[in-house]
Amino acid sequence: MKKVGPLGKGLTTDNHHITTAKGDIVLYSGNQLVIFYGSNSWSYTRIGEIDDLTDWKKALGNGDITAVFTAAE
């Protein structure tokens, strides 16, 4: 339902109990980035979402992934 990875440093959080959806990107515990391809309810800081979910679950696969993020202007 998700891919989780360490950020290497902590970020400021604004956690709220939410139910995630496919494509949601959240911060967990201030130092973990989570990308969802399923749904989960927990206390997260929502930081973004992925618009194009074409073959998303297949792209994330079963192993490690590398994700690159850029901020919108």
N, C-alpha and C. Protein backbone atom coordinates (compact mmCIF):
# COMPACT_ATOMS: atom_id res chain seq x y z
N MET A 1 0.80 -1.20 0.00
CA MET A 1 0.00 0.00 0.00
C MET A 1 0.84 1.26 0.00
N LYS A 2 2.18 1.13 0.27
CA LYS A 2 3.02 2.33 0.37
C LYS A 2 4.48 1.97 0.18
N LYS A 3 5.26 3.01 -0.09
CA LYS A 3 6.72 2.95 -0.09
C LYS A 3 7.18 3.98 0.94
N VAL A 4 8.10 3.58 1.81
CA VAL A 4 8.59 4.44 2.88
C VAL A 4 10.10 4.55 2.76
N GLY A 5 10.62 5.77 2.94
CA GLY A 5 12.06 5.95 2.89
C GLY A 5 12.51 7.07 3.81
N PRO A 6 13.72 6.94 4.34
CA PRO A 6 14.26 7.98 5.23
C PRO A 6 14.67 9.22 4.45
N LEU A 7 14.50 10.37 5.06
CA LEU A 7 14.93 11.64 4.45
C LEU A 7 16.36 12.00 4.81
N GLY A 8 16.88 11.45 5.88
CA GLY A 8 18.23 11.77 6.29
C GLY A 8 18.30 12.90 7.30
N LYS A 9 17.19 13.63 7.46
CA LYS A 9 17.10 14.67 8.49
C LYS A 9 15.63 14.92 8.79
N GLY A 10 15.36 15.47 9.93
CA GLY A 10 13.98 15.73 10.34
C GLY A 10 13.45 17.03 9.77
N LEU A 11 12.16 17.05 9.48
CA LEU A 11 11.48 18.25 9.00
C LEU A 11 10.36 18.60 9.96
N THR A 12 9.93 19.84 9.94
CA THR A 12 8.81 20.28 10.76
C THR A 12 7.53 19.59 10.30
N THR A 13 6.75 19.11 11.25
CA THR A 13 5.51 18.41 10.91
C THR A 13 4.28 19.23 11.29
N ASP A 14 3.17 18.91 10.66
CA ASP A 14 1.85 19.47 10.96
C ASP A 14 0.87 18.30 10.86
N ASN A 15 1.07 17.29 11.72
CA ASN A 15 0.32 16.04 11.62
C ASN A 15 -1.17 16.22 11.89
N HIS A 16 -1.95 15.50 11.10
CA HIS A 16 -3.40 15.40 11.27
C HIS A 16 -3.78 13.97 10.95
N HIS A 17 -4.80 13.45 11.63
CA HIS A 17 -5.29 12.11 11.31
C HIS A 17 -6.00 12.20 9.96
N ILE A 18 -5.47 11.48 8.97
CA ILE A 18 -6.04 11.50 7.62
C ILE A 18 -6.16 10.08 7.10
N THR A 19 -6.98 9.91 6.09
CA THR A 19 -7.03 8.67 5.33
C THR A 19 -6.40 8.97 3.99
N THR A 20 -5.32 8.30 3.70
CA THR A 20 -4.58 8.55 2.46
C THR A 20 -5.28 7.92 1.27
N ALA A 21 -4.92 8.40 0.09
CA ALA A 21 -5.42 7.85 -1.17
C ALA A 21 -4.23 7.56 -2.07
N LYS A 22 -4.48 6.85 -3.15
CA LYS A 22 -3.42 6.57 -4.13
C LYS A 22 -2.78 7.87 -4.59
N GLY A 23 -1.45 7.91 -4.58
CA GLY A 23 -0.73 9.08 -5.05
C GLY A 23 -0.38 10.09 -3.97
N ASP A 24 -0.90 9.92 -2.75
CA ASP A 24 -0.58 10.86 -1.68
C ASP A 24 0.88 10.71 -1.26
N ILE A 25 1.51 11.84 -0.97
CA ILE A 25 2.87 11.89 -0.45
C ILE A 25 2.79 12.55 0.91
N VAL A 26 3.27 11.85 1.95
CA VAL A 26 3.16 12.37 3.30
C VAL A 26 4.49 12.24 4.03
N LEU A 27 4.58 13.00 5.10
CA LEU A 27 5.73 12.93 6.00
C LEU A 27 5.28 12.18 7.25
N TYR A 28 6.07 11.20 7.66
CA TYR A 28 5.76 10.40 8.84
C TYR A 28 6.90 10.54 9.84
N SER A 29 6.58 10.85 11.08
CA SER A 29 7.56 10.99 12.16
C SER A 29 8.62 12.05 11.87
N GLY A 30 8.35 12.95 10.95
CA GLY A 30 9.26 14.05 10.67
C GLY A 30 10.48 13.70 9.84
N ASN A 31 10.74 12.40 9.66
CA ASN A 31 11.96 12.03 8.93
C ASN A 31 11.76 10.88 7.94
N GLN A 32 10.52 10.50 7.67
CA GLN A 32 10.21 9.43 6.73
C GLN A 32 9.25 9.97 5.66
N LEU A 33 9.58 9.76 4.40
CA LEU A 33 8.72 10.13 3.30
C LEU A 33 7.93 8.89 2.89
N VAL A 34 6.62 9.04 2.72
CA VAL A 34 5.76 7.91 2.38
C VAL A 34 4.99 8.25 1.11
N ILE A 35 5.03 7.34 0.13
CA ILE A 35 4.27 7.47 -1.12
C ILE A 35 3.25 6.33 -1.12
N PHE A 36 1.97 6.67 -1.25
CA PHE A 36 0.92 5.65 -1.17
C PHE A 36 0.43 5.23 -2.54
N TYR A 37 0.26 3.92 -2.70
CA TYR A 37 -0.45 3.38 -3.85
C TYR A 37 -1.67 2.61 -3.37
N GLY A 38 -1.96 2.71 -2.08
CA GLY A 38 -3.15 2.17 -1.45
C GLY A 38 -3.68 3.20 -0.47
N SER A 39 -4.44 2.76 0.51
CA SER A 39 -5.05 3.67 1.46
C SER A 39 -4.68 3.27 2.88
N ASN A 40 -4.55 4.26 3.77
CA ASN A 40 -4.24 4.02 5.17
C ASN A 40 -4.71 5.22 5.98
N SER A 41 -5.11 4.97 7.21
CA SER A 41 -5.50 6.05 8.13
C SER A 41 -4.49 6.13 9.25
N TRP A 42 -3.92 7.33 9.44
CA TRP A 42 -2.91 7.54 10.47
C TRP A 42 -2.68 9.03 10.60
N SER A 43 -1.79 9.41 11.48
CA SER A 43 -1.44 10.82 11.68
C SER A 43 -0.21 11.16 10.84
N TYR A 44 -0.42 11.94 9.78
CA TYR A 44 0.63 12.30 8.83
C TYR A 44 0.62 13.80 8.57
N THR A 45 1.70 14.28 7.99
CA THR A 45 1.76 15.62 7.43
C THR A 45 1.69 15.45 5.91
N ARG A 46 0.59 15.89 5.31
CA ARG A 46 0.42 15.76 3.87
C ARG A 46 1.31 16.80 3.19
N ILE A 47 2.16 16.35 2.24
CA ILE A 47 3.06 17.30 1.58
C ILE A 47 2.86 17.37 0.07
N GLY A 48 2.06 16.46 -0.49
CA GLY A 48 1.83 16.53 -1.92
C GLY A 48 1.06 15.34 -2.43
N GLU A 49 0.89 15.32 -3.75
CA GLU A 49 0.22 14.19 -4.39
C GLU A 49 0.73 14.04 -5.81
N ILE A 50 0.59 12.87 -6.33
CA ILE A 50 1.00 12.58 -7.69
C ILE A 50 -0.24 12.58 -8.56
N ASP A 51 -0.22 13.38 -9.63
CA ASP A 51 -1.39 13.55 -10.48
C ASP A 51 -1.62 12.40 -11.44
N ASP A 52 -0.58 11.90 -12.06
CA ASP A 52 -0.72 10.85 -13.07
C ASP A 52 -0.39 9.50 -12.44
N LEU A 53 -1.41 8.71 -12.21
CA LEU A 53 -1.23 7.41 -11.54
C LEU A 53 -1.24 6.24 -12.53
N THR A 54 -1.01 6.51 -13.80
CA THR A 54 -0.96 5.46 -14.81
C THR A 54 0.13 4.45 -14.45
N ASP A 55 -0.24 3.19 -14.29
CA ASP A 55 0.67 2.10 -13.94
C ASP A 55 1.47 2.37 -12.66
N TRP A 56 0.90 3.14 -11.76
CA TRP A 56 1.60 3.58 -10.56
C TRP A 56 2.04 2.42 -9.67
N LYS A 57 1.10 1.51 -9.35
CA LYS A 57 1.44 0.39 -8.48
C LYS A 57 2.53 -0.48 -9.12
N LYS A 58 2.45 -0.70 -10.41
CA LYS A 58 3.47 -1.49 -11.12
C LYS A 58 4.83 -0.77 -11.08
N ALA A 59 4.82 0.56 -11.25
CA ALA A 59 6.07 1.32 -11.24
C ALA A 59 6.77 1.24 -9.88
N LEU A 60 6.00 1.23 -8.80
CA LEU A 60 6.60 1.15 -7.47
C LEU A 60 7.13 -0.25 -7.18
N GLY A 61 6.50 -1.26 -7.75
CA GLY A 61 7.00 -2.63 -7.63
C GLY A 61 7.14 -3.14 -6.22
N ASN A 62 7.95 -4.18 -6.07
CA ASN A 62 8.12 -4.85 -4.78
C ASN A 62 9.43 -4.50 -4.08
N GLY A 63 10.37 -3.89 -4.77
CA GLY A 63 11.68 -3.60 -4.18
C GLY A 63 11.87 -2.12 -3.91
N ASP A 64 13.13 -1.75 -3.76
CA ASP A 64 13.48 -0.35 -3.53
C ASP A 64 13.24 0.48 -4.79
N ILE A 65 12.95 1.76 -4.59
CA ILE A 65 12.79 2.69 -5.71
C ILE A 65 13.60 3.94 -5.44
N THR A 66 13.84 4.72 -6.47
CA THR A 66 14.44 6.04 -6.33
C THR A 66 13.41 7.04 -6.82
N ALA A 67 13.10 8.03 -5.99
CA ALA A 67 12.12 9.06 -6.35
C ALA A 67 12.80 10.42 -6.28
N VAL A 68 12.53 11.25 -7.28
CA VAL A 68 13.08 12.61 -7.33
C VAL A 68 11.90 13.57 -7.29
N PHE A 69 11.95 14.53 -6.39
CA PHE A 69 10.87 15.50 -6.23
C PHE A 69 11.38 16.89 -6.52
N THR A 70 10.53 17.69 -7.14
CA THR A 70 10.84 19.11 -7.35
C THR A 70 9.65 19.92 -6.87
N ALA A 71 9.92 21.11 -6.38
CA ALA A 71 8.85 21.98 -5.89
C ALA A 71 8.25 22.77 -7.05
N ALA A 72 6.93 22.87 -7.03
CA ALA A 72 6.23 23.67 -8.04
C ALA A 72 6.48 25.15 -7.74
N GLU A 73 6.57 25.93 -8.77
CA GLU A 73 6.80 27.37 -8.60
C GLU A 73 5.49 28.09 -8.45
